[in-house]
PDB file of N, CA and C in Angstrom:
ATOM      1  N   GLY A   1     102.511  67.402  84.673  1.00  0.00           N
ATOM      2  CA  GLY A   1     101.390  66.657  85.251  1.00  0.00           C
ATOM      3  C   GLY A   1     100.146  67.531  85.571  1.00  0.00           C
ATOM      4  N   THR A   2      99.182  67.078  86.012  1.00  0.00           N
ATOM      5  CA  THR A   2      97.876  67.646  86.401  1.00  0.00           C
ATOM      6  C   THR A   2      97.892  68.320  87.684  1.00  0.00           C
ATOM      7  N   ASP A   3      98.929  68.207  88.488  1.00  0.00           N
ATOM      8  CA  ASP A   3      98.950  68.815  89.845  1.00  0.00           C
ATOM      9  C   ASP A   3     100.273  69.524  90.009  1.00  0.00           C
ATOM     10  N   ASP A   4     100.942  70.123  89.094  1.00  0.00           N
ATOM     11  CA  ASP A   4     102.127  70.738  89.323  1.00  0.00           C
ATOM     12  C   ASP A   4     101.992  71.923  90.382  1.00  0.00           C
ATOM     13  N   THR A   5     103.071  72.088  91.066  1.00  0.00           N
ATOM     14  CA  THR A   5     102.978  73.211  92.116  1.00  0.00           C
ATOM     15  C   THR A   5     104.219  74.244  92.006  1.00  0.00           C
ATOM     16  N   ALA A   6     103.998  75.453  92.092  1.00  0.00           N
ATOM     17  CA  ALA A   6     105.095  76.417  92.217  1.00  0.00           C
ATOM     18  C   ALA A   6     105.427  76.778  93.494  1.00  0.00           C
ATOM     19  N   THR A   7     106.544  76.797  94.166  1.00  0.00           N
ATOM     20  CA  THR A   7     106.869  76.957  95.402  1.00  0.00           C
ATOM     21  C   THR A   7     107.970  78.124  95.515  1.00  0.00           C
ATOM     22  N   GLY A   8     108.194  78.700  96.699  1.00  0.00           N
ATOM     23  CA  GLY A   8     109.122  79.653  96.884  1.00  0.00           C
ATOM     24  C   GLY A   8     108.717  81.047  96.401  1.00  0.00           C
ATOM     25  N   SER A   9     107.455  81.268  96.244  1.00  0.00           N
ATOM     26  CA  SER A   9     106.953  82.648  95.773  1.00  0.00           C
ATOM     27  C   SER A   9     106.286  83.216  96.887  1.00  0.00           C
ATOM     28  N   GLY A  10     106.253  84.536  96.952  1.00  0.00           N
ATOM     29  CA  GLY A  10     105.517  85.345  98.020  1.00  0.00           C
ATOM     30  C   GLY A  10     104.311  86.043  97.310  1.00  0.00           C
ATOM     31  N   PRO A  11     103.802  86.899  98.215  1.00  0.00           N
ATOM     32  CA  PRO A  11     102.610  87.772  97.649  1.00  0.00           C
ATOM     33  C   PRO A  11     103.040  88.461  96.316  1.00  0.00           C
ATOM     34  N   GLY A  12     102.072  88.631  95.466  1.00  0.00           N
ATOM     35  CA  GLY A  12     102.497  89.421  94.262  1.00  0.00           C
ATOM     36  C   GLY A  12     101.459  89.063  93.118  1.00  0.00           C
ATOM     37  N   THR A  13     101.847  89.511  91.959  1.00  0.00           N
ATOM     38  CA  THR A  13     101.007  89.324  90.779  1.00  0.00           C
ATOM     39  C   THR A  13     101.767  88.361  89.902  1.00  0.00           C
ATOM     40  N   TYR A  14     101.037  87.160  89.483  1.00  0.00           N
ATOM     41  CA  TYR A  14     101.742  86.212  88.686  1.00  0.00           C
ATOM     42  C   TYR A  14     101.005  85.930  87.373  1.00  0.00           C
ATOM     43  N   ARG A  15     101.466  85.623  86.336  1.00  0.00           N
ATOM     44  CA  ARG A  15     100.968  85.100  85.110  1.00  0.00           C
ATOM     45  C   ARG A  15     101.206  83.577  85.083  1.00  0.00           C
ATOM     46  N   VAL A  16     100.016  82.902  84.922  1.00  0.00           N
ATOM     47  CA  VAL A  16     100.049  81.385  84.922  1.00  0.00           C
ATOM     48  C   VAL A  16      99.674  80.856  83.560  1.00  0.00           C
ATOM     49  N   THR A  17     100.337  80.019  83.076  1.00  0.00           N
ATOM     50  CA  THR A  17     100.054  79.430  81.627  1.00  0.00           C
ATOM     51  C   THR A  17      99.952  77.942  81.909  1.00  0.00           C
ATOM     52  N   VAL A  18      98.850  77.369  81.397  1.00  0.00           N
ATOM     53  CA  VAL A  18      98.521  75.951  81.427  1.00  0.00           C
ATOM     54  C   VAL A  18      98.529  75.491  80.024  1.00  0.00           C
ATOM     55  N   ARG A  19      99.293  74.387  79.737  1.00  0.00           N
ATOM     56  CA  ARG A  19      99.394  73.793  78.423  1.00  0.00           C
ATOM     57  C   ARG A  19      98.941  72.313  78.523  1.00  0.00           C
ATOM     58  N   ASP A  20      97.889  71.966  77.918  1.00  0.00           N
ATOM     59  CA  ASP A  20      97.474  70.532  78.017  1.00  0.00           C
ATOM     60  C   ASP A  20      98.165  69.538  76.946  1.00  0.00           C
ATOM     61  N   ALA A  21      97.855  68.382  77.006  1.00  0.00           N
ATOM     62  CA  ALA A  21      98.580  67.353  76.273  1.00  0.00           C
ATOM     63  C   ALA A  21      98.570  67.642  74.778  1.00  0.00           C
ATOM     64  N   TYR A  22      97.509  68.378  74.267  1.00  0.00           N
ATOM     65  CA  TYR A  22      97.357  68.670  72.724  1.00  0.00           C
ATOM     66  C   TYR A  22      97.940  70.051  72.405  1.00  0.00           C
ATOM     67  N   GLY A  23      98.653  70.661  73.360  1.00  0.00           N
ATOM     68  CA  GLY A  23      99.363  71.920  72.962  1.00  0.00           C
ATOM     69  C   GLY A  23      98.512  73.073  73.165  1.00  0.00           C
ATOM     70  N   CYS A  24      97.269  72.961  73.582  1.00  0.00           N
ATOM     71  CA  CYS A  24      96.385  74.211  73.887  1.00  0.00           C
ATOM     72  C   CYS A  24      96.739  74.814  75.153  1.00  0.00           C
ATOM     73  N   THR A  25      96.744  76.148  75.152  1.00  0.00           N
ATOM     74  CA  THR A  25      97.066  76.926  76.335  1.00  0.00           C
ATOM     75  C   THR A  25      96.072  77.875  76.872  1.00  0.00           C
ATOM     76  N   GLN A  26      96.091  78.052  78.117  1.00  0.00           N
ATOM     77  CA  GLN A  26      95.182  79.011  78.839  1.00  0.00           C
ATOM     78  C   GLN A  26      96.037  79.777  79.783  1.00  0.00           C
ATOM     79  N   GLN A  27      95.954  81.126  79.730  1.00  0.00           N
ATOM     80  CA  GLN A  27      96.670  82.007  80.618  1.00  0.00           C
ATOM     81  C   GLN A  27      95.662  82.736  81.493  1.00  0.00           C
ATOM     82  N   GLU A  28      96.269  82.947  82.710  1.00  0.00           N
ATOM     83  CA  GLU A  28      95.413  83.760  83.719  1.00  0.00           C
ATOM     84  C   GLU A  28      96.403  84.609  84.468  1.00  0.00           C
ATOM     85  N   THR A  29      96.049  85.709  85.080  1.00  0.00           N
ATOM     86  CA  THR A  29      96.884  86.507  85.838  1.00  0.00           C
ATOM     87  C   THR A  29      96.253  86.274  87.344  1.00  0.00           C
ATOM     88  N   VAL A  30      97.034  85.798  88.224  1.00  0.00           N
ATOM     89  CA  VAL A  30      96.693  85.499  89.537  1.00  0.00           C
ATOM     90  C   VAL A  30      97.300  86.507  90.510  1.00  0.00           C
ATOM     91  N   GLU A  31      96.651  87.159  91.445  1.00  0.00           N
ATOM     92  CA  GLU A  31      97.323  87.917  92.445  1.00  0.00           C
ATOM     93  C   GLU A  31      97.206  87.338  93.860  1.00  0.00           C
ATOM     94  N   ILE A  32      98.281  87.028  94.462  1.00  0.00           N
ATOM     95  CA  ILE A  32      98.455  86.393  95.767  1.00  0.00           C
ATOM     96  C   ILE A  32      98.656  87.553  96.759  1.00  0.00           C
ATOM     97  N   GLN A  33      97.679  87.901  97.688  1.00  0.00           N
ATOM     98  CA  GLN A  33      97.799  89.012  98.621  1.00  0.00           C
ATOM     99  C   GLN A  33      98.432  88.403  99.859  1.00  0.00           C
ATOM    100  N   TYR A  34      97.991  87.360 100.347  1.00  0.00           N
ATOM    101  CA  TYR A  34      98.553  86.714 101.714  1.00  0.00           C
ATOM    102  C   TYR A  34      98.719  85.172 101.422  1.00  0.00           C
ATOM    103  N   LEU A  35      99.648  84.847 102.189  1.00  0.00           N
ATOM    104  CA  LEU A  35      99.801  83.345 102.283  1.00  0.00           C
ATOM    105  C   LEU A  35      99.258  82.875 103.584  1.00  0.00           C
ATOM    106  N   THR A  36      98.752  81.706 103.724  1.00  0.00           N
ATOM    107  CA  THR A  36      98.135  81.102 104.843  1.00  0.00           C
ATOM    108  C   THR A  36      99.133  80.683 105.875  1.00  0.00           C
ATOM    109  N   SER A  37     100.444  80.384 105.403  1.00  0.00           N
ATOM    110  CA  SER A  37     101.579  80.433 106.371  1.00  0.00           C
ATOM    111  C   SER A  37     102.676  80.821 105.912  1.00  0.00           C
ATOM    112  N   GLY A  38     103.772  81.039 106.637  1.00  0.00           N
ATOM    113  CA  GLY A  38     104.896  81.696 106.186  1.00  0.00           C
ATOM    114  C   GLY A  38     105.369  82.830 107.124  1.00  0.00           C
ATOM    115  N   ILE A  39     106.014  83.745 106.562  1.00  0.00           N
ATOM    116  CA  ILE A  39     106.533  84.843 107.203  1.00  0.00           C
ATOM    117  C   ILE A  39     106.150  86.146 106.673  1.00  0.00           C
ATOM    118  N   GLY A  40     105.818  87.102 107.503  1.00  0.00           N
ATOM    119  CA  GLY A  40     105.442  88.468 107.067  1.00  0.00           C
ATOM    120  C   GLY A  40     106.517  89.338 107.498  1.00  0.00           C
ATOM    121  N   SER A  41     106.845  90.440 106.820  1.00  0.00           N
ATOM    122  CA  SER A  41     107.887  91.343 107.067  1.00  0.00           C
ATOM    123  C   SER A  41     107.466  92.748 107.257  1.00  0.00           C
ATOM    124  N   MET A  42     108.152  93.474 108.202  1.00  0.00           N
ATOM    125  CA  MET A  42     107.941  95.011 108.309  1.00  0.00           C
ATOM    126  C   MET A  42     108.569  95.577 107.083  1.00  0.00           C
ATOM    127  N   ARG A  43     108.156  96.652 106.717  1.00  0.00           N
ATOM    128  CA  ARG A  43     108.666  97.427 105.516  1.00  0.00           C
ATOM    129  C   ARG A  43     110.120  97.633 105.406  1.00  0.00           C
ATOM    130  N   ASN A  44     110.651  97.891 106.751  1.00  0.00           N
ATOM    131  CA  ASN A  44     112.214  98.083 106.673  1.00  0.00           C
ATOM    132  C   ASN A  44     112.956  96.932 106.622  1.00  0.00           C
ATOM    133  N   GLY A  45     112.409  95.661 106.718  1.00  0.00           N
ATOM    134  CA  GLY A  45     113.032  94.449 106.460  1.00  0.00           C
ATOM    135  C   GLY A  45     113.792  93.953 107.695  1.00  0.00           C
ATOM    136  N   SER A  46     113.875  94.788 108.850  1.00  0.00           N
ATOM    137  CA  SER A  46     114.601  94.349 109.984  1.00  0.00           C
ATOM    138  C   SER A  46     113.786  93.555 111.006  1.00  0.00           C
ATOM    139  N   THR A  47     112.514  93.579 110.814  1.00  0.00           N
ATOM    140  CA  THR A  47     111.510  92.745 111.642  1.00  0.00           C
ATOM    141  C   THR A  47     110.692  91.811 110.861  1.00  0.00           C
ATOM    142  N   THR A  48     110.655  90.617 111.316  1.00  0.00           N
ATOM    143  CA  THR A  48     109.781  89.569 110.677  1.00  0.00           C
ATOM    144  C   THR A  48     108.865  88.950 111.746  1.00  0.00           C
ATOM    145  N   ILE A  49     107.836  88.474 111.236  1.00  0.00           N
ATOM    146  CA  ILE A  49     106.731  87.876 112.060  1.00  0.00           C
ATOM    147  C   ILE A  49     106.476  86.392 111.427  1.00  0.00           C
ATOM    148  N   SER A  50     106.146  85.496 112.333  1.00  0.00           N
ATOM    149  CA  SER A  50     105.620  84.257 111.881  1.00  0.00           C
ATOM    150  C   SER A  50     104.575  83.847 112.804  1.00  0.00           C
ATOM    151  N   VAL A  51     103.594  83.013 112.375  1.00  0.00           N
ATOM    152  CA  VAL A  51     102.730  82.366 113.345  1.00  0.00           C
ATOM    153  C   VAL A  51     102.582  80.824 113.249  1.00  0.00           C
ATOM    154  N   PHE A  52     102.360  80.244 114.420  1.00  0.00           N
ATOM    155  CA  PHE A  52     102.207  78.738 114.436  1.00  0.00           C
ATOM    156  C   PHE A  52     101.414  78.404 115.634  1.00  0.00           C
ATOM    157  N   PRO A  53     100.727  77.209 115.715  1.00  0.00           N
ATOM    158  CA  PRO A  53     100.548  76.455 114.607  1.00  0.00           C
ATOM    159  C   PRO A  53      99.564  77.094 113.678  1.00  0.00           C
ATOM    160  N   ASN A  54      99.435  76.763 112.375  1.00  0.00           N
ATOM    161  CA  ASN A  54      98.535  77.304 111.431  1.00  0.00           C
ATOM    162  C   ASN A  54      98.076  76.177 110.583  1.00  0.00           C
ATOM    163  N   PRO A  55      96.911  75.503 110.844  1.00  0.00           N
ATOM    164  CA  PRO A  55      95.889  76.184 111.588  1.00  0.00           C
ATOM    165  C   PRO A  55      95.993  75.970 113.080  1.00  0.00           C
ATOM    166  N   ALA A  56      95.483  77.001 113.846  1.00  0.00           N
ATOM    167  CA  ALA A  56      95.595  77.100 115.247  1.00  0.00           C
ATOM    168  C   ALA A  56      94.230  76.396 115.737  1.00  0.00           C
ATOM    169  N   ASN A  57      94.381  75.869 117.053  1.00  0.00           N
ATOM    170  CA  ASN A  57      93.146  75.193 117.756  1.00  0.00           C
ATOM    171  C   ASN A  57      92.654  76.245 118.847  1.00  0.00           C
ATOM    172  N   ASN A  58      93.440  76.182 119.931  1.00  0.00           N
ATOM    173  CA  ASN A  58      93.164  77.168 121.071  1.00  0.00           C
ATOM    174  C   ASN A  58      94.159  78.117 121.329  1.00  0.00           C
ATOM    175  N   LEU A  59      95.359  78.045 120.694  1.00  0.00           N
ATOM    176  CA  LEU A  59      96.431  79.030 120.892  1.00  0.00           C
ATOM    177  C   LEU A  59      97.169  79.173 119.753  1.00  0.00           C
ATOM    178  N   LEU A  60      97.468  80.537 119.446  1.00  0.00           N
ATOM    179  CA  LEU A  60      98.327  80.949 118.280  1.00  0.00           C
ATOM    180  C   LEU A  60      99.588  81.616 118.746  1.00  0.00           C
ATOM    181  N   ASN A  61     100.783  81.033 118.446  1.00  0.00           N
ATOM    182  CA  ASN A  61     102.013  81.805 118.813  1.00  0.00           C
ATOM    183  C   ASN A  61     102.473  82.686 117.770  1.00  0.00           C
ATOM    184  N   LEU A  62     102.697  83.899 118.121  1.00  0.00           N
ATOM    185  CA  LEU A  62     103.361  84.892 117.162  1.00  0.00           C
ATOM    186  C   LEU A  62     104.804  85.063 117.577  1.00  0.00           C
ATOM    187  N   VAL A  63     105.594  84.910 116.572  1.00  0.00           N
ATOM    188  CA  VAL A  63     107.231  84.921 116.703  1.00  0.00           C
ATOM    189  C   VAL A  63     107.503  86.300 116.056  1.00  0.00           C
ATOM    190  N   ILE A  64     108.151  87.158 116.859  1.00  0.00           N
ATOM    191  CA  ILE A  64     108.713  88.461 116.310  1.00  0.00           C
ATOM    192  C   ILE A  64     110.293  88.305 116.333  1.00  0.00           C
ATOM    193  N   ASP A  65     110.886  88.511 115.267  1.00  0.00           N
ATOM    194  CA  ASP A  65     112.412  88.591 115.242  1.00  0.00           C
ATOM    195  C   ASP A  65     112.633  90.089 114.814  1.00  0.00           C
ATOM    196  N   ALA A  66     113.198  90.795 115.724  1.00  0.00           N
ATOM    197  CA  ALA A  66     113.407  92.234 115.574  1.00  0.00           C
ATOM    198  C   ALA A  66     114.976  92.448 115.791  1.00  0.00           C
ATOM    199  N   GLN A  67     115.560  93.158 114.752  1.00  0.00           N
ATOM    200  CA  GLN A  67     116.854  93.758 115.021  1.00  0.00           C
ATOM    201  C   GLN A  67     117.074  94.705 116.137  1.00  0.00           C
ATOM    202  N   GLN A  68     116.032  95.522 116.263  1.00  0.00           N
ATOM    203  CA  GLN A  68     115.923  96.676 117.224  1.00  0.00           C
ATOM    204  C   GLN A  68     114.675  96.570 117.782  1.00  0.00           C
ATOM    205  N   GLN A  69     114.526  97.130 119.126  1.00  0.00           N
ATOM    206  CA  GLN A  69     113.338  97.177 119.910  1.00  0.00           C
ATOM    207  C   GLN A  69     112.143  97.739 118.998  1.00  0.00           C
ATOM    208  N   VAL A  70     111.046  96.916 119.079  1.00  0.00           N
ATOM    209  CA  VAL A  70     109.763  97.336 118.417  1.00  0.00           C
ATOM    210  C   VAL A  70     108.658  97.428 119.447  1.00  0.00           C
ATOM    211  N   ASN A  71     108.068  98.683 119.473  1.00  0.00           N
ATOM    212  CA  ASN A  71     106.980  98.945 120.206  1.00  0.00           C
ATOM    213  C   ASN A  71     105.739  98.927 119.254  1.00  0.00           C
ATOM    214  N   ALA A  72     104.940  97.938 119.447  1.00  0.00           N
ATOM    215  CA  ALA A  72     103.880  97.615 118.426  1.00  0.00           C
ATOM    216  C   ALA A  72     102.573  97.356 119.129  1.00  0.00           C
ATOM    217  N   LYS A  73     101.682  97.196 118.273  1.00  0.00           N
ATOM    218  CA  LYS A  73     100.263  96.837 118.568  1.00  0.00           C
ATOM    219  C   LYS A  73      99.933  95.535 117.841  1.00  0.00           C
ATOM    220  N   VAL A  74      99.309  94.447 118.505  1.00  0.00           N
ATOM    221  CA  VAL A  74      99.044  93.180 117.833  1.00  0.00           C
ATOM    222  C   VAL A  74      97.487  93.307 117.656  1.00  0.00           C
ATOM    223  N   GLU A  75      96.993  93.018 116.537  1.00  0.00           N
ATOM    224  CA  GLU A  75      95.607  92.974 116.201  1.00  0.00           C
ATOM    225  C   GLU A  75      95.133  91.736 115.400  1.00  0.00           C
ATOM    226  N   VAL A  76      94.153  91.071 115.833  1.00  0.00           N
ATOM    227  CA  VAL A  76      93.503  89.981 115.220  1.00  0.00           C
ATOM    228  C   VAL A  76      92.294  90.439 114.523  1.00  0.00           C
ATOM    229  N   VAL A  77      92.161  90.360 113.173  1.00  0.00           N
ATOM    230  CA  VAL A  77      91.085  90.901 112.428  1.00  0.00           C
ATOM    231  C   VAL A  77      90.367  89.884 111.716  1.00  0.00           C
ATOM    232  N   ASP A  78      88.934  89.791 111.718  1.00  0.00           N
ATOM    233  CA  ASP A  78      88.239  88.676 110.893  1.00  0.00           C
ATOM    234  C   ASP A  78      88.130  89.173 109.481  1.00  0.00           C
ATOM    235  N   LEU A  79      87.354  88.385 108.680  1.00  0.00           N
ATOM    236  CA  LEU A  79      87.246  88.573 107.275  1.00  0.00           C
ATOM    237  C   LEU A  79      86.393  89.903 107.010  1.00  0.00           C
ATOM    238  N   THR A  80      85.546  90.258 107.997  1.00  0.00           N
ATOM    239  CA  THR A  80      84.704  91.526 107.734  1.00  0.00           C
ATOM    240  C   THR A  80      85.481  92.780 108.238  1.00  0.00           C
ATOM    241  N   GLY A  81      86.711  92.609 108.645  1.00  0.00           N
ATOM    242  CA  GLY A  81      87.481  93.794 109.068  1.00  0.00           C
ATOM    243  C   GLY A  81      87.292  94.234 110.540  1.00  0.00           C
ATOM    244  N   ARG A  82      86.458  93.459 111.277  1.00  0.00           N
ATOM    245  CA  ARG A  82      86.333  93.616 112.625  1.00  0.00           C
ATOM    246  C   ARG A  82      87.492  93.152 113.449  1.00  0.00           C
ATOM    247  N   ILE A  83      87.948  94.123 114.400  1.00  0.00           N
ATOM    248  CA  ILE A  83      89.150  93.736 115.272  1.00  0.00           C
ATOM    249  C   ILE A  83      88.620  92.987 116.465  1.00  0.00           C
ATOM    250  N   LEU A  84      89.039  91.730 116.621  1.00  0.00           N
ATOM    251  CA  LEU A  84      88.606  90.854 117.602  1.00  0.00           C
ATOM    252  C   LEU A  84      89.645  90.814 118.905  1.00  0.00           C
ATOM    253  N   TYR A  85      90.807  91.283 118.633  1.00  0.00           N
ATOM    254  CA  TYR A  85      91.857  91.156 119.666  1.00  0.00           C
ATOM    255  C   TYR A  85      92.838  92.372 119.409  1.00  0.00           C
ATOM    256  N   THR A  86      93.230  92.897 120.443  1.00  0.00           N
ATOM    257  CA  THR A  86      94.397  93.934 120.374  1.00  0.00           C
ATOM    258  C   THR A  86      95.040  93.906 121.742  1.00  0.00           C
ATOM    259  N   ALA A  87      96.452  94.147 121.621  1.00  0.00           N
ATOM    260  CA  ALA A  87      97.381  94.097 122.708  1.00  0.00           C
ATOM    261  C   ALA A  87      98.585  94.864 122.341  1.00  0.00           C
ATOM    262  N   PRO A  88      99.215  95.540 123.339  1.00  0.00           N
ATOM    263  CA  PRO A  88     100.573  96.160 122.910  1.00  0.00           C
ATOM    264  C   PRO A  88     101.636  95.189 123.199  1.00  0.00           C
ATOM    265  N   VAL A  89     102.753  95.216 122.413  1.00  0.00           N
ATOM    266  CA  VAL A  89     103.742  94.342 122.429  1.00  0.00           C
ATOM    267  C   VAL A  89     105.147  95.169 122.328  1.00  0.00           C
ATOM    268  N   VAL A  90     106.013  94.879 123.248  1.00  0.00           N
ATOM    269  CA  VAL A  90     107.309  95.490 123.132  1.00  0.00           C
ATOM    270  C   VAL A  90     108.315  94.254 122.849  1.00  0.00           C
ATOM    271  N   ALA A  91     109.044  94.193 121.719  1.00  0.00           N
ATOM    272  CA  ALA A  91     109.811  93.060 121.424  1.00  0.00           C
ATOM    273  C   ALA A  91     111.232  93.494 120.959  1.00  0.00           C
ATOM    274  N   ALA A  92     112.229  92.709 121.294  1.00  0.00           N
ATOM    275  CA  ALA A  92     113.483  92.782 120.868  1.00  0.00           C
ATOM    276  C   ALA A  92     114.186  91.509 120.592  1.00  0.00           C
ATOM    277  N   GLY A  93     114.981  91.330 119.603  1.00  0.00           N
ATOM    278  CA  GLY A  93     115.554  89.990 119.331  1.00  0.00           C
ATOM    279  C   GLY A  93     114.452  89.025 118.993  1.00  0.00           C
ATOM    280  N   HIS A  94     114.400  87.778 119.507  1.00  0.00           N
ATOM    281  CA  HIS A  94     113.536  86.672 119.263  1.00  0.00           C
ATOM    282  C   HIS A  94     112.517  86.644 120.369  1.00  0.00           C
ATOM    283  N   TYR A  95     111.263  86.993 120.019  1.00  0.00           N
ATOM    284  CA  TYR A  95     110.217  87.151 120.878  1.00  0.00           C
ATOM    285  C   TYR A  95     108.987  86.229 120.572  1.00  0.00           C
ATOM    286  N   THR A  96     108.466  85.453 121.525  1.00  0.00           N
ATOM    287  CA  THR A  96     107.350  84.704 121.296  1.00  0.00           C
ATOM    288  C   THR A  96     106.074  85.351 122.059  1.00  0.00           C
ATOM    289  N   TYR A  97     104.981  85.522 121.442  1.00  0.00           N
ATOM    290  CA  TYR A  97     103.778  86.066 122.126  1.00  0.00           C
ATOM    291  C   TYR A  97     102.665  85.017 121.773  1.00  0.00           C
ATOM    292  N   ALA A  98     101.894  84.536 122.759  1.00  0.00           N
ATOM    293  CA  ALA A  98     100.844  83.630 122.714  1.00  0.00           C
ATOM    294  C   ALA A  98      99.413  84.432 122.626  1.00  0.00           C
ATOM    295  N   ILE A  99      98.498  83.974 121.792  1.00  0.00           N
ATOM    296  CA  ILE A  99      97.267  84.514 121.654  1.00  0.00           C
ATOM    297  C   ILE A  99      96.211  83.566 121.937  1.00  0.00           C
ATOM    298  N   ASN A 100      95.388  83.605 122.839  1.00  0.00           N
ATOM    299  CA  ASN A 100      94.277  82.499 123.085  1.00  0.00           C
ATOM    300  C   ASN A 100      93.249  82.636 122.060  1.00  0.00           C
ATOM    301  N   THR A 101      93.016  81.640 121.340  1.00  0.00           N
ATOM    302  CA  THR A 101      92.016  81.680 120.226  1.00  0.00           C
ATOM    303  C   THR A 101      90.769  80.826 120.587  1.00  0.00           C
ATOM    304  N   THR A 102      90.570  80.466 121.772  1.00  0.00           N
ATOM    305  CA  THR A 102      89.449  79.611 122.178  1.00  0.00           C
ATOM    306  C   THR A 102      88.102  80.304 121.880  1.00  0.00           C
ATOM    307  N   ASN A 103      88.031  81.600 122.035  1.00  0.00           N
ATOM    308  CA  ASN A 103      86.788  82.299 121.815  1.00  0.00           C
ATOM    309  C   ASN A 103      86.592  82.799 120.411  1.00  0.00           C
ATOM    310  N   PHE A 104      87.536  82.431 119.455  1.00  0.00           N
ATOM    311  CA  PHE A 104      87.261  82.746 118.036  1.00  0.00           C
ATOM    312  C   PHE A 104      86.538  81.615 117.319  1.00  0.00           C
ATOM    313  N   SER A 105      85.720  81.853 116.482  1.00  0.00           N
ATOM    314  CA  SER A 105      84.944  80.957 115.677  1.00  0.00           C
ATOM    315  C   SER A 105      85.898  80.245 114.679  1.00  0.00           C
ATOM    316  N   ALA A 106      85.743  79.153 114.226  1.00  0.00           N
ATOM    317  CA  ALA A 106      86.593  78.534 113.216  1.00  0.00           C
ATOM    318  C   ALA A 106      86.482  79.365 111.923  1.00  0.00           C
ATOM    319  N   GLY A 107      87.569  79.662 111.389  1.00  0.00           N
ATOM    320  CA  GLY A 107      87.638  80.470 110.126  1.00  0.00           C
ATOM    321  C   GLY A 107      88.958  81.042 109.816  1.00  0.00           C
ATOM    322  N   VAL A 108      89.080  82.015 109.019  1.00  0.00           N
ATOM    323  CA  VAL A 108      90.323  82.668 108.593  1.00  0.00           C
ATOM    324  C   VAL A 108      90.266  84.122 109.191  1.00  0.00           C
ATOM    325  N   TYR A 109      91.603  84.374 109.622  1.00  0.00           N
ATOM    326  CA  TYR A 109      91.767  85.696 110.373  1.00  0.00           C
ATOM    327  C   TYR A 109      93.115  86.280 109.804  1.00  0.00           C
ATOM    328  N   THR A 110      93.372  87.585 110.167  1.00  0.00           N
ATOM    329  CA  THR A 110      94.573  88.103 109.975  1.00  0.00           C
ATOM    330  C   THR A 110      95.170  88.821 111.230  1.00  0.00           C
ATOM    331  N   LEU A 111      96.359  88.378 111.316  1.00  0.00           N
ATOM    332  CA  LEU A 111      97.166  88.973 112.446  1.00  0.00           C
ATOM    333  C   LEU A 111      97.899  90.216 111.891  1.00  0.00           C
ATOM    334  N   GLN A 112      97.711  91.315 112.614  1.00  0.00           N
ATOM    335  CA  GLN A 112      98.479  92.552 112.135  1.00  0.00           C
ATOM    336  C   GLN A 112      99.444  92.965 113.203  1.00  0.00           C
ATOM    337  N   LEU A 113     100.608  93.283 112.980  1.00  0.00           N
ATOM    338  CA  LEU A 113     101.570  93.990 113.865  1.00  0.00           C
ATOM    339  C   LEU A 113     101.791  95.292 113.309  1.00  0.00           C
ATOM    340  N   ASN A 114     101.345  96.365 114.032  1.00  0.00           N
ATOM    341  CA  ASN A 114     101.482  97.676 113.639  1.00  0.00           C
ATOM    342  C   ASN A 114     102.489  98.387 114.567  1.00  0.00           C
ATOM    343  N   ALA A 115     103.566  99.154 113.953  1.00  0.00           N
ATOM    344  CA  ALA A 115     104.497  99.730 114.757  1.00  0.00           C
ATOM    345  C   ALA A 115     105.123 100.968 113.951  1.00  0.00           C
ATOM    346  N   GLU A 116     104.970 102.119 114.514  1.00  0.00           N
ATOM    347  CA  GLU A 116     105.676 103.285 113.966  1.00  0.00           C
ATOM    348  C   GLU A 116     105.673 103.365 112.378  1.00  0.00           C
ATOM    349  N   ASN A 117     104.413 103.496 111.956  1.00  0.00           N
ATOM    350  CA  ASN A 117     104.232 103.638 110.433  1.00  0.00           C
ATOM    351  C   ASN A 117     104.743 102.451 109.593  1.00  0.00           C
ATOM    352  N   GLN A 118     104.856 101.292 110.225  1.00  0.00           N
ATOM    353  CA  GLN A 118     105.195 100.085 109.608  1.00  0.00           C
ATOM    354  C   GLN A 118     104.171  98.982 110.032  1.00  0.00           C
ATOM    355  N   SER A 119     103.953  98.069 109.170  1.00  0.00           N
ATOM    356  CA  SER A 119     103.003  96.916 109.450  1.00  0.00           C
ATOM    357  C   SER A 119     103.455  95.741 108.786  1.00  0.00           C
ATOM    358  N   ALA A 120     102.939  94.576 109.506  1.00  0.00           N
ATOM    359  CA  ALA A 120     103.298  93.250 108.936  1.00  0.00           C
ATOM    360  C   ALA A 120     101.937  92.571 109.307  1.00  0.00           C
ATOM    361  N   ARG A 121     101.623  91.744 108.238  1.00  0.00           N
ATOM    362  CA  ARG A 121     100.210  90.973 108.274  1.00  0.00           C
ATOM    363  C   ARG A 121     100.539  89.557 108.008  1.00  0.00           C
ATOM    364  N   GLN A 122      99.863  88.677 108.722  1.00  0.00           N
ATOM    365  CA  GLN A 122      99.986  87.225 108.469  1.00  0.00           C
ATOM    366  C   GLN A 122      98.643  86.419 108.555  1.00  0.00           C
ATOM    367  N   LYS A 123      98.090  85.816 107.555  1.00  0.00           N
ATOM    368  CA  LYS A 123      96.842  85.138 107.822  1.00  0.00           C
ATOM    369  C   LYS A 123      96.969  83.926 108.480  1.00  0.00           C
ATOM    370  N   PHE A 124      95.923  83.501 109.198  1.00  0.00           N
ATOM    371  CA  PHE A 124      95.945  82.249 109.927  1.00  0.00           C
ATOM    372  C   PHE A 124      94.613  81.679 110.018  1.00  0.00           C
ATOM    373  N   ILE A 125      94.617  80.409 110.210  1.00  0.00           N
ATOM    374  CA  ILE A 125      93.123  79.724 110.317  1.00  0.00           C
ATOM    375  C   ILE A 125      92.911  79.196 111.809  1.00  0.00           C
ATOM    376  N   VAL A 126      91.724  79.353 112.154  1.00  0.00           N
ATOM    377  CA  VAL A 126      91.387  78.721 113.483  1.00  0.00           C
ATOM    378  C   VAL A 126      90.484  77.622 113.039  1.00  0.00           C
ATOM    379  N   ALA A 127      90.854  76.479 113.582  1.00  0.00           N
ATOM    380  CA  ALA A 127      89.980  75.195 113.391  1.00  0.00           C
ATOM    381  C   ALA A 127      89.708  74.415 114.624  1.00  0.00           C
ATOM    382  N   HIS A 128      88.600  74.608 115.335  1.00  0.00           N
ATOM    383  CA  HIS A 128      88.322  73.970 116.533  1.00  0.00           C
ATOM    384  C   HIS A 128      87.607  72.553 116.310  1.00  0.00           C
TER     385      HIS A 128
END
C-alpha cells in the first residue's frame, strides 16, 4: 500500500526500497538516531530508561530500571545542545523520577542519563 509501516526497529541505518505499481523502484539509506518514544539503554544493558507521557505537557516521568544501583546525572538538552535541566539521581530496581516541564517551550528535547562512563538518551516532546 501507500502507507506501509515497519515496526520493531530501533536506532540504526536502514536501506529502504519502494516499488510502485509499475515495478519502478527507488532506494534510500535512512539513519534513525533516536526514537520519539520507546526505551533507551545503558551500554552494559543492565539499565534501561523510558519516558512518559510523550508528548509531555507539564510533567515528564523518567522510569529507570536498574539491576544494580546507578549513581547518575539527569540532563534535559534542547535542540541547540543547551542544558536546560540537570539533577543527580540514585536509582536501583524500578525507579520513577518526575521532571517539571512547565517552563520548557513547546518542542523536541533529549533526556540524557549519564553514569560512570555510560549514557542513555531518550527524545521527548513538550506540547503545551
